[in-house]
Amino acid sequence: MSTATSTETRELAPVSTESLAALLVAKERPPRPSSLSTSLAFGWRAVLKIKHVPEQLFDVTAFPIMNLLMFTYLFGGALAGSPTDYIQFVLPGILVMSVVMITMYTGVSVNIDIEKGVFDRFRSLPIWRPSAMVGYLLGDALRYTIASVIMLCMGLLLGYRADGGFMGVVAGIALLLVFSFAFSWIWTMLGLLLRTEKSVMSVSMMVIFPLTFLSNVFVDPRTMPGWLQAFVNNSPVTHLASAVRGLMAGEWPAADVMWTLGWSALFVVVFGPVTMRLYNRK
């Protein structure tokens, strides 16, 4: 009887920490996830946030539509003779403006997650460090695509016709998405650098408004004073708007396309490392 009892006691005795650690080490660990898989996982997280808070889509639905209607019917007759003629010029520009302006919400989302302490968990995971940031940008790329499709559908209803056809429209949107992905690194940096989401929005608007309005989004720069043309003609938004407008019109604006890709590369090279440095030290 005593022998049986002692055997049961040994079987029920708790496993020591050293023994448990040895068992865990003995087992084969799962392979470390790739940078692509972790980036896509964080991108899916951003998409799920939109699913649970659909109000986030307001800026990619109502905002672009209001801009297109206001500028087409308020200024179309004065600037181009009729709203139908003006929309051929202004729709690609407003498409660029709308998408570029909503890129700032990437920085706002980053700042909100920092305030909630979510990033502390992200940094403790054995994953590729930039994947959290890349995931934000991939998730927002879906929002940019939705905004572009909505703008084009509304433009077709108002009389816009893309002479470049389907491929020209796809090429224009693809270039816009590439630029927006790169441009968003500025706002992720601000989201990590500034303390509150309101400050992120304030600083972002101070940068975005001059860039978008001091460009060829609404009018031809040739009507501007010479000193202003020098700034407008070298603005990244001007190069982007000219490239998207040309591609949708069935042209190949090689210079503007190359300038846009160059600006995109510059934003990633400059602000990407700064963002990751702030992220690692936050």
C-alpha atoms as a PDB file:
ATOM      1  CA  MET A   1       0.000   0.000   0.000  1.00  0.00           C
ATOM      2  CA  SER A   2       2.753   2.400   0.893  1.00  0.00           C
ATOM      3  CA  THR A   3       4.621   1.560  -2.308  1.00  0.00           C
ATOM      4  CA  ALA A   4       1.580   2.373  -4.464  1.00  0.00           C
ATOM      5  CA  THR A   5       1.042   5.612  -2.601  1.00  0.00           C
ATOM      6  CA  SER A   6       4.620   6.725  -3.100  1.00  0.00           C
ATOM      7  CA  THR A   7       4.372   5.926  -6.824  1.00  0.00           C
ATOM      8  CA  GLU A   8       1.240   8.036  -7.200  1.00  0.00           C
ATOM      9  CA  THR A   9       2.901  10.846  -5.270  1.00  0.00           C
ATOM     10  CA  ARG A  10       5.839  10.821  -7.672  1.00  0.00           C
ATOM     11  CA  GLU A  11       3.485  10.891 -10.655  1.00  0.00           C
ATOM     12  CA  LEU A  12       1.485  13.819  -9.274  1.00  0.00           C
ATOM     13  CA  ALA A  13       4.487  15.802  -8.151  1.00  0.00           C
ATOM     14  CA  PRO A  14       4.904  19.124 -10.043  1.00  0.00           C
ATOM     15  CA  VAL A  15       7.538  19.268 -12.742  1.00  0.00           C
ATOM     16  CA  SER A  16      10.463  21.501 -11.842  1.00  0.00           C
ATOM     17  CA  THR A  17      11.277  24.619 -13.852  1.00  0.00           C
ATOM     18  CA  GLU A  18      14.524  23.096 -15.072  1.00  0.00           C
ATOM     19  CA  SER A  19      12.752  19.957 -16.293  1.00  0.00           C
ATOM     20  CA  LEU A  20      10.074  21.983 -18.051  1.00  0.00           C
ATOM     21  CA  ALA A  21      12.691  24.156 -19.754  1.00  0.00           C
ATOM     22  CA  ALA A  22      14.550  21.042 -20.882  1.00  0.00           C
ATOM     23  CA  LEU A  23      11.373  19.605 -22.392  1.00  0.00           C
ATOM     24  CA  LEU A  24      10.658  22.836 -24.269  1.00  0.00           C
ATOM     25  CA  VAL A  25      14.181  23.089 -25.607  1.00  0.00           C
ATOM     26  CA  ALA A  26      14.112  19.450 -26.697  1.00  0.00           C
ATOM     27  CA  LYS A  27      11.101  20.062 -28.932  1.00  0.00           C
ATOM     28  CA  GLU A  28      11.662  21.484 -32.385  1.00  0.00           C
ATOM     29  CA  ARG A  29      10.689  25.142 -32.586  1.00  0.00           C
ATOM     30  CA  PRO A  30       8.447  26.300 -35.413  1.00  0.00           C
ATOM     31  CA  PRO A  31      10.243  28.184 -38.196  1.00  0.00           C
ATOM     32  CA  ARG A  32      10.465  31.938 -37.856  1.00  0.00           C
ATOM     33  CA  PRO A  33       7.822  33.684 -40.019  1.00  0.00           C
ATOM     34  CA  SER A  34       9.069  35.433 -43.115  1.00  0.00           C
ATOM     35  CA  SER A  35       9.038  39.204 -43.499  1.00  0.00           C
ATOM     36  CA  LEU A  36       6.334  38.920 -46.173  1.00  0.00           C
ATOM     37  CA  SER A  37       4.003  36.793 -44.036  1.00  0.00           C
ATOM     38  CA  THR A  38       4.315  39.067 -40.999  1.00  0.00           C
ATOM     39  CA  SER A  39       3.780  42.193 -43.102  1.00  0.00           C
ATOM     40  CA  LEU A  40       0.661  40.666 -44.643  1.00  0.00           C
ATOM     41  CA  ALA A  41      -0.575  39.654 -41.177  1.00  0.00           C
ATOM     42  CA  PHE A  42      -0.279  43.238 -39.946  1.00  0.00           C
ATOM     43  CA  GLY A  43      -1.895  44.441 -43.156  1.00  0.00           C
ATOM     44  CA  TRP A  44      -4.835  42.121 -42.506  1.00  0.00           C
ATOM     45  CA  ARG A  45      -5.046  43.553 -38.990  1.00  0.00           C
ATOM     46  CA  ALA A  46      -5.425  47.037 -40.498  1.00  0.00           C
ATOM     47  CA  VAL A  47      -8.192  45.749 -42.775  1.00  0.00           C
ATOM     48  CA  LEU A  48     -10.006  44.176 -39.825  1.00  0.00           C
ATOM     49  CA  LYS A  49      -9.900  47.515 -38.020  1.00  0.00           C
ATOM     50  CA  ILE A  50     -11.797  49.015 -40.957  1.00  0.00           C
ATOM     51  CA  LYS A  51     -14.308  46.161 -40.762  1.00  0.00           C
ATOM     52  CA  HIS A  52     -15.012  46.780 -37.075  1.00  0.00           C
ATOM     53  CA  VAL A  53     -14.999  50.587 -37.425  1.00  0.00           C
ATOM     54  CA  PRO A  54     -16.523  51.247 -40.873  1.00  0.00           C
ATOM     55  CA  GLU A  55     -16.685  54.982 -40.112  1.00  0.00           C
ATOM     56  CA  GLN A  56     -13.016  55.047 -41.136  1.00  0.00           C
ATOM     57  CA  LEU A  57     -14.157  54.758 -44.753  1.00  0.00           C
ATOM     58  CA  PHE A  58     -15.847  58.163 -44.628  1.00  0.00           C
ATOM     59  CA  ASP A  59     -12.669  59.907 -45.758  1.00  0.00           C
ATOM     60  CA  VAL A  60     -12.355  57.639 -48.812  1.00  0.00           C
ATOM     61  CA  THR A  61     -16.018  57.830 -49.836  1.00  0.00           C
ATOM     62  CA  ALA A  62     -17.767  61.091 -48.967  1.00  0.00           C
ATOM     63  CA  PHE A  63     -14.665  63.295 -48.968  1.00  0.00           C
ATOM     64  CA  PRO A  64     -13.530  62.544 -52.566  1.00  0.00           C
ATOM     65  CA  ILE A  65     -17.084  62.808 -53.890  1.00  0.00           C
ATOM     66  CA  MET A  66     -17.622  66.211 -52.242  1.00  0.00           C
ATOM     67  CA  ASN A  67     -14.310  67.503 -53.628  1.00  0.00           C
ATOM     68  CA  LEU A  68     -15.095  66.355 -57.152  1.00  0.00           C
ATOM     69  CA  LEU A  69     -18.608  67.819 -57.174  1.00  0.00           C
ATOM     70  CA  MET A  70     -17.581  71.142 -55.635  1.00  0.00           C
ATOM     71  CA  PHE A  71     -14.596  71.850 -57.855  1.00  0.00           C
ATOM     72  CA  THR A  72     -16.272  70.617 -61.027  1.00  0.00           C
ATOM     73  CA  TYR A  73     -19.450  72.651 -60.710  1.00  0.00           C
ATOM     74  CA  LEU A  74     -18.099  75.672 -58.823  1.00  0.00           C
ATOM     75  CA  PHE A  75     -15.030  76.338 -60.959  1.00  0.00           C
ATOM     76  CA  GLY A  76     -15.568  74.304 -64.136  1.00  0.00           C
ATOM     77  CA  GLY A  77     -17.482  76.987 -66.008  1.00  0.00           C
ATOM     78  CA  ALA A  78     -15.062  79.763 -65.037  1.00  0.00           C
ATOM     79  CA  LEU A  79     -11.840  77.846 -65.708  1.00  0.00           C
ATOM     80  CA  ALA A  80     -12.686  75.678 -68.714  1.00  0.00           C
ATOM     81  CA  GLY A  81     -15.946  77.003 -70.137  1.00  0.00           C
ATOM     82  CA  SER A  82     -18.077  74.101 -68.890  1.00  0.00           C
ATOM     83  CA  PRO A  83     -17.991  71.484 -66.112  1.00  0.00           C
ATOM     84  CA  THR A  84     -17.815  68.698 -68.733  1.00  0.00           C
ATOM     85  CA  ASP A  85     -14.619  70.091 -70.230  1.00  0.00           C
ATOM     86  CA  TYR A  86     -13.083  70.865 -66.854  1.00  0.00           C
ATOM     87  CA  ILE A  87     -13.638  67.388 -65.430  1.00  0.00           C
ATOM     88  CA  GLN A  88     -11.337  65.931 -68.097  1.00  0.00           C
ATOM     89  CA  PHE A  89      -8.518  67.945 -66.564  1.00  0.00           C
ATOM     90  CA  VAL A  90      -9.458  68.059 -62.902  1.00  0.00           C
ATOM     91  CA  LEU A  91     -10.547  64.489 -62.126  1.00  0.00           C
ATOM     92  CA  PRO A  92      -7.037  62.959 -62.161  1.00  0.00           C
ATOM     93  CA  GLY A  93      -5.851  65.927 -60.103  1.00  0.00           C
ATOM     94  CA  ILE A  94      -8.567  65.589 -57.469  1.00  0.00           C
ATOM     95  CA  LEU A  95      -7.937  61.839 -57.431  1.00  0.00           C
ATOM     96  CA  VAL A  96      -4.302  62.561 -56.570  1.00  0.00           C
ATOM     97  CA  MET A  97      -5.246  65.203 -53.999  1.00  0.00           C
ATOM     98  CA  SER A  98      -7.809  63.004 -52.235  1.00  0.00           C
ATOM     99  CA  VAL A  99      -5.510  59.996 -51.921  1.00  0.00           C
ATOM    100  CA  VAL A 100      -2.489  62.062 -50.879  1.00  0.00           C
ATOM    101  CA  MET A 101      -4.514  63.817 -48.194  1.00  0.00           C
ATOM    102  CA  ILE A 102      -5.823  60.615 -46.618  1.00  0.00           C
ATOM    103  CA  THR A 103      -2.300  59.203 -46.303  1.00  0.00           C
ATOM    104  CA  MET A 104      -1.935  61.178 -43.075  1.00  0.00           C
ATOM    105  CA  TYR A 105      -4.312  58.775 -41.301  1.00  0.00           C
ATOM    106  CA  THR A 106      -1.513  56.198 -41.337  1.00  0.00           C
ATOM    107  CA  GLY A 107       0.375  58.319 -38.825  1.00  0.00           C
ATOM    108  CA  VAL A 108      -2.777  58.816 -36.779  1.00  0.00           C
ATOM    109  CA  SER A 109      -3.333  55.045 -36.554  1.00  0.00           C
ATOM    110  CA  VAL A 110       0.272  54.487 -35.476  1.00  0.00           C
ATOM    111  CA  ASN A 111      -0.029  57.129 -32.764  1.00  0.00           C
ATOM    112  CA  ILE A 112      -3.279  55.639 -31.428  1.00  0.00           C
ATOM    113  CA  ASP A 113      -1.724  52.164 -31.156  1.00  0.00           C
ATOM    114  CA  ILE A 114       1.261  53.620 -29.306  1.00  0.00           C
ATOM    115  CA  GLU A 115      -1.022  55.323 -26.786  1.00  0.00           C
ATOM    116  CA  LYS A 116      -2.853  52.038 -26.223  1.00  0.00           C
ATOM    117  CA  GLY A 117       0.403  50.167 -25.603  1.00  0.00           C
ATOM    118  CA  VAL A 118      -0.057  47.790 -28.533  1.00  0.00           C
ATOM    119  CA  PHE A 119       3.438  48.472 -29.860  1.00  0.00           C
ATOM    120  CA  ASP A 120       5.029  47.123 -26.698  1.00  0.00           C
ATOM    121  CA  ARG A 121       3.662  43.705 -27.652  1.00  0.00           C
ATOM    122  CA  PHE A 122       4.738  44.072 -31.289  1.00  0.00           C
ATOM    123  CA  ARG A 123       8.341  44.791 -30.337  1.00  0.00           C
ATOM    124  CA  SER A 124       8.507  41.671 -28.168  1.00  0.00           C
ATOM    125  CA  LEU A 125       7.578  39.366 -31.054  1.00  0.00           C
ATOM    126  CA  PRO A 126      10.343  37.443 -32.913  1.00  0.00           C
ATOM    127  CA  ILE A 127       9.457  38.966 -36.282  1.00  0.00           C
ATOM    128  CA  TRP A 128      10.943  41.265 -38.876  1.00  0.00           C
ATOM    129  CA  ARG A 129      10.904  44.662 -37.166  1.00  0.00           C
ATOM    130  CA  PRO A 130       9.555  46.818 -40.017  1.00  0.00           C
ATOM    131  CA  SER A 131       6.644  44.432 -40.650  1.00  0.00           C
ATOM    132  CA  ALA A 132       4.324  46.324 -38.269  1.00  0.00           C
ATOM    133  CA  MET A 133       4.900  49.580 -40.142  1.00  0.00           C
ATOM    134  CA  VAL A 134       4.702  47.953 -43.565  1.00  0.00           C
ATOM    135  CA  GLY A 135       1.456  46.307 -42.492  1.00  0.00           C
ATOM    136  CA  TYR A 136      -0.097  49.703 -41.737  1.00  0.00           C
ATOM    137  CA  LEU A 137       0.859  50.912 -45.194  1.00  0.00           C
ATOM    138  CA  LEU A 138      -0.438  47.779 -46.923  1.00  0.00           C
ATOM    139  CA  GLY A 139      -3.763  48.053 -45.125  1.00  0.00           C
ATOM    140  CA  ASP A 140      -4.078  51.701 -46.086  1.00  0.00           C
ATOM    141  CA  ALA A 141      -3.329  50.818 -49.710  1.00  0.00           C
ATOM    142  CA  LEU A 142      -6.765  49.165 -49.754  1.00  0.00           C
ATOM    143  CA  ARG A 143      -8.321  52.454 -48.633  1.00  0.00           C
ATOM    144  CA  TYR A 144      -6.488  54.312 -51.390  1.00  0.00           C
ATOM    145  CA  THR A 145      -7.774  51.818 -53.950  1.00  0.00           C
ATOM    146  CA  ILE A 146     -11.344  52.220 -52.717  1.00  0.00           C
ATOM    147  CA  ALA A 147     -11.043  56.012 -52.962  1.00  0.00           C
ATOM    148  CA  SER A 148      -9.681  55.751 -56.512  1.00  0.00           C
ATOM    149  CA  VAL A 149     -12.476  53.452 -57.691  1.00  0.00           C
ATOM    150  CA  ILE A 150     -15.154  55.674 -56.149  1.00  0.00           C
ATOM    151  CA  MET A 151     -13.675  58.782 -57.767  1.00  0.00           C
ATOM    152  CA  LEU A 152     -13.519  57.149 -61.193  1.00  0.00           C
ATOM    153  CA  CYS A 153     -17.074  55.857 -60.969  1.00  0.00           C
ATOM    154  CA  MET A 154     -18.347  59.295 -60.000  1.00  0.00           C
ATOM    155  CA  GLY A 155     -16.273  60.858 -62.766  1.00  0.00           C
ATOM    156  CA  LEU A 156     -17.806  58.546 -65.360  1.00  0.00           C
ATOM    157  CA  LEU A 157     -21.262  59.627 -64.210  1.00  0.00           C
ATOM    158  CA  LEU A 158     -20.257  63.283 -64.582  1.00  0.00           C
ATOM    159  CA  GLY A 159     -18.858  62.819 -68.086  1.00  0.00           C
ATOM    160  CA  TYR A 160     -15.195  61.939 -67.611  1.00  0.00           C
ATOM    161  CA  ARG A 161     -13.716  59.690 -70.285  1.00  0.00           C
ATOM    162  CA  ALA A 162     -10.249  58.150 -70.023  1.00  0.00           C
ATOM    163  CA  ASP A 163      -8.722  58.006 -73.500  1.00  0.00           C
ATOM    164  CA  GLY A 164      -6.069  55.639 -72.160  1.00  0.00           C
ATOM    165  CA  GLY A 165      -8.690  52.981 -71.594  1.00  0.00           C
ATOM    166  CA  PHE A 166      -8.611  50.384 -68.881  1.00  0.00           C
ATOM    167  CA  MET A 167      -4.838  49.903 -68.956  1.00  0.00           C
ATOM    168  CA  GLY A 168      -4.193  53.630 -68.744  1.00  0.00           C
ATOM    169  CA  VAL A 169      -6.446  53.922 -65.703  1.00  0.00           C
ATOM    170  CA  VAL A 170      -4.810  50.920 -64.022  1.00  0.00           C
ATOM    171  CA  ALA A 171      -1.337  52.329 -64.699  1.00  0.00           C
ATOM    172  CA  GLY A 172      -2.332  55.713 -63.249  1.00  0.00           C
ATOM    173  CA  ILE A 173      -3.796  54.190 -60.096  1.00  0.00           C
ATOM    174  CA  ALA A 174      -0.806  51.871 -59.671  1.00  0.00           C
ATOM    175  CA  LEU A 175       1.583  54.826 -59.836  1.00  0.00           C
ATOM    176  CA  LEU A 176      -0.582  56.709 -57.346  1.00  0.00           C
ATOM    177  CA  LEU A 177      -0.506  53.749 -54.932  1.00  0.00           C
ATOM    178  CA  VAL A 178       3.283  53.488 -55.181  1.00  0.00           C
ATOM    179  CA  PHE A 179       3.687  57.180 -54.394  1.00  0.00           C
ATOM    180  CA  SER A 180       1.156  57.045 -51.535  1.00  0.00           C
ATOM    181  CA  PHE A 181       2.890  54.039 -49.972  1.00  0.00           C
ATOM    182  CA  ALA A 182       6.207  55.905 -50.000  1.00  0.00           C
ATOM    183  CA  PHE A 183       4.690  59.238 -48.927  1.00  0.00           C
ATOM    184  CA  SER A 184       3.017  57.591 -45.919  1.00  0.00           C
ATOM    185  CA  TRP A 185       6.420  56.938 -44.323  1.00  0.00           C
ATOM    186  CA  ILE A 186       6.471  60.640 -43.437  1.00  0.00           C
ATOM    187  CA  TRP A 187       3.301  60.261 -41.396  1.00  0.00           C
ATOM    188  CA  THR A 188       4.441  57.055 -39.676  1.00  0.00           C
ATOM    189  CA  MET A 189       7.483  59.015 -38.550  1.00  0.00           C
ATOM    190  CA  LEU A 190       5.263  61.794 -37.205  1.00  0.00           C
ATOM    191  CA  GLY A 191       2.993  59.235 -35.538  1.00  0.00           C
ATOM    192  CA  LEU A 192       5.993  57.946 -33.592  1.00  0.00           C
ATOM    193  CA  LEU A 193       7.487  61.373 -32.948  1.00  0.00           C
ATOM    194  CA  LEU A 194       4.485  63.408 -31.801  1.00  0.00           C
ATOM    195  CA  ARG A 195       2.560  62.836 -28.591  1.00  0.00           C
ATOM    196  CA  THR A 196      -1.111  62.949 -29.599  1.00  0.00           C
ATOM    197  CA  GLU A 197      -3.159  62.071 -32.661  1.00  0.00           C
ATOM    198  CA  LYS A 198      -4.407  65.671 -32.882  1.00  0.00           C
ATOM    199  CA  SER A 199      -0.867  66.968 -33.181  1.00  0.00           C
ATOM    200  CA  VAL A 200      -0.177  64.388 -35.914  1.00  0.00           C
ATOM    201  CA  MET A 201      -3.199  65.614 -37.887  1.00  0.00           C
ATOM    202  CA  SER A 202      -2.299  69.282 -37.384  1.00  0.00           C
ATOM    203  CA  VAL A 203       1.283  68.926 -38.561  1.00  0.00           C
ATOM    204  CA  SER A 204       0.240  66.663 -41.442  1.00  0.00           C
ATOM    205  CA  MET A 205      -2.291  69.179 -42.727  1.00  0.00           C
ATOM    206  CA  MET A 206       0.329  71.941 -42.561  1.00  0.00           C
ATOM    207  CA  VAL A 207       2.454  69.883 -44.968  1.00  0.00           C
ATOM    208  CA  ILE A 208      -0.253  68.439 -47.224  1.00  0.00           C
ATOM    209  CA  PHE A 209      -2.284  71.583 -47.919  1.00  0.00           C
ATOM    210  CA  PRO A 210       0.568  73.619 -49.477  1.00  0.00           C
ATOM    211  CA  LEU A 211       1.756  70.611 -51.492  1.00  0.00           C
ATOM    212  CA  THR A 212      -1.662  69.825 -52.941  1.00  0.00           C
ATOM    213  CA  PHE A 213      -2.973  73.319 -53.582  1.00  0.00           C
ATOM    214  CA  LEU A 214       0.346  74.713 -54.839  1.00  0.00           C
ATOM    215  CA  SER A 215       0.401  72.265 -57.733  1.00  0.00           C
ATOM    216  CA  ASN A 216      -1.233  71.636 -61.094  1.00  0.00           C
ATOM    217  CA  VAL A 217      -4.110  69.682 -59.544  1.00  0.00           C
ATOM    218  CA  PHE A 218      -6.694  72.379 -60.362  1.00  0.00           C
ATOM    219  CA  VAL A 219      -5.129  74.710 -62.935  1.00  0.00           C
ATOM    220  CA  ASP A 220      -2.283  74.903 -65.426  1.00  0.00           C
ATOM    221  CA  PRO A 221       0.791  76.439 -63.728  1.00  0.00           C
ATOM    222  CA  ARG A 222       1.484  78.602 -66.798  1.00  0.00           C
ATOM    223  CA  THR A 223      -1.116  81.087 -65.533  1.00  0.00           C
ATOM    224  CA  MET A 224       0.807  81.584 -62.263  1.00  0.00           C
ATOM    225  CA  PRO A 225       3.533  84.148 -61.479  1.00  0.00           C
ATOM    226  CA  GLY A 226       7.041  83.067 -62.410  1.00  0.00           C
ATOM    227  CA  TRP A 227       8.278  82.716 -58.826  1.00  0.00           C
ATOM    228  CA  LEU A 228       5.325  80.478 -57.999  1.00  0.00           C
ATOM    229  CA  GLN A 229       5.778  78.388 -61.137  1.00  0.00           C
ATOM    230  CA  ALA A 230       9.304  77.530 -59.988  1.00  0.00           C
ATOM    231  CA  PHE A 231       7.888  75.902 -56.864  1.00  0.00           C
ATOM    232  CA  VAL A 232       4.829  74.330 -58.466  1.00  0.00           C
ATOM    233  CA  ASN A 233       6.704  72.779 -61.403  1.00  0.00           C
ATOM    234  CA  ASN A 234       9.115  71.035 -59.020  1.00  0.00           C
ATOM    235  CA  SER A 235       6.528  69.822 -56.518  1.00  0.00           C
ATOM    236  CA  PRO A 236       6.193  66.038 -56.123  1.00  0.00           C
ATOM    237  CA  VAL A 237       2.409  66.387 -56.274  1.00  0.00           C
ATOM    238  CA  THR A 238       2.690  68.218 -59.605  1.00  0.00           C
ATOM    239  CA  HIS A 239       4.814  65.441 -61.087  1.00  0.00           C
ATOM    240  CA  LEU A 240       2.389  62.834 -59.758  1.00  0.00           C
ATOM    241  CA  ALA A 241      -0.719  64.629 -61.041  1.00  0.00           C
ATOM    242  CA  SER A 242       0.857  65.153 -64.474  1.00  0.00           C
ATOM    243  CA  ALA A 243       1.884  61.499 -64.670  1.00  0.00           C
ATOM    244  CA  VAL A 244      -1.545  60.168 -63.633  1.00  0.00           C
ATOM    245  CA  ARG A 245      -3.309  62.617 -65.951  1.00  0.00           C
ATOM    246  CA  GLY A 246      -1.115  61.620 -68.871  1.00  0.00           C
ATOM    247  CA  LEU A 247      -1.447  57.885 -68.306  1.00  0.00           C
ATOM    248  CA  MET A 248      -5.223  58.091 -68.096  1.00  0.00           C
ATOM    249  CA  ALA A 249      -5.260  60.175 -71.268  1.00  0.00           C
ATOM    250  CA  GLY A 250      -3.425  57.463 -73.180  1.00  0.00           C
ATOM    251  CA  GLU A 251      -0.052  59.224 -73.193  1.00  0.00           C
ATOM    252  CA  TRP A 252       3.321  58.193 -71.801  1.00  0.00           C
ATOM    253  CA  PRO A 253       4.659  61.094 -69.686  1.00  0.00           C
ATOM    254  CA  ALA A 254       8.052  59.474 -69.130  1.00  0.00           C
ATOM    255  CA  ALA A 255       9.644  62.448 -67.376  1.00  0.00           C
ATOM    256  CA  ASP A 256       6.812  62.838 -64.850  1.00  0.00           C
ATOM    257  CA  VAL A 257       6.660  59.084 -64.235  1.00  0.00           C
ATOM    258  CA  MET A 258      10.395  58.968 -63.531  1.00  0.00           C
ATOM    259  CA  TRP A 259      10.188  62.011 -61.269  1.00  0.00           C
ATOM    260  CA  THR A 260       7.336  60.383 -59.335  1.00  0.00           C
ATOM    261  CA  LEU A 261       9.242  57.137 -58.893  1.00  0.00           C
ATOM    262  CA  GLY A 262      12.309  59.120 -57.861  1.00  0.00           C
ATOM    263  CA  TRP A 263      10.351  61.050 -55.237  1.00  0.00           C
ATOM    264  CA  SER A 264       8.877  57.765 -53.971  1.00  0.00           C
ATOM    265  CA  ALA A 265      12.321  56.203 -53.608  1.00  0.00           C
ATOM    266  CA  LEU A 266      13.593  59.314 -51.821  1.00  0.00           C
ATOM    267  CA  PHE A 267      10.750  59.231 -49.276  1.00  0.00           C
ATOM    268  CA  VAL A 268      11.385  55.564 -48.473  1.00  0.00           C
ATOM    269  CA  VAL A 269      15.173  55.943 -48.249  1.00  0.00           C
ATOM    270  CA  VAL A 270      15.022  59.038 -46.037  1.00  0.00           C
ATOM    271  CA  PHE A 271      11.978  58.514 -43.827  1.00  0.00           C
ATOM    272  CA  GLY A 272      11.967  54.703 -43.671  1.00  0.00           C
ATOM    273  CA  PRO A 273      15.182  54.396 -41.594  1.00  0.00           C
ATOM    274  CA  VAL A 274      14.203  57.383 -39.421  1.00  0.00           C
ATOM    275  CA  THR A 275      10.820  55.771 -38.725  1.00  0.00           C
ATOM    276  CA  MET A 276      12.390  52.442 -37.768  1.00  0.00           C
ATOM    277  CA  ARG A 277      14.925  54.145 -35.522  1.00  0.00           C
ATOM    278  CA  LEU A 278      12.125  55.928 -33.662  1.00  0.00           C
ATOM    279  CA  TYR A 279      10.124  52.700 -33.533  1.00  0.00           C
ATOM    280  CA  ASN A 280      12.987  50.755 -31.964  1.00  0.00           C
ATOM    281  CA  ARG A 281      13.599  53.466 -29.382  1.00  0.00           C
ATOM    282  CA  LYS A 282       9.967  54.266 -28.576  1.00  0.00           C
END
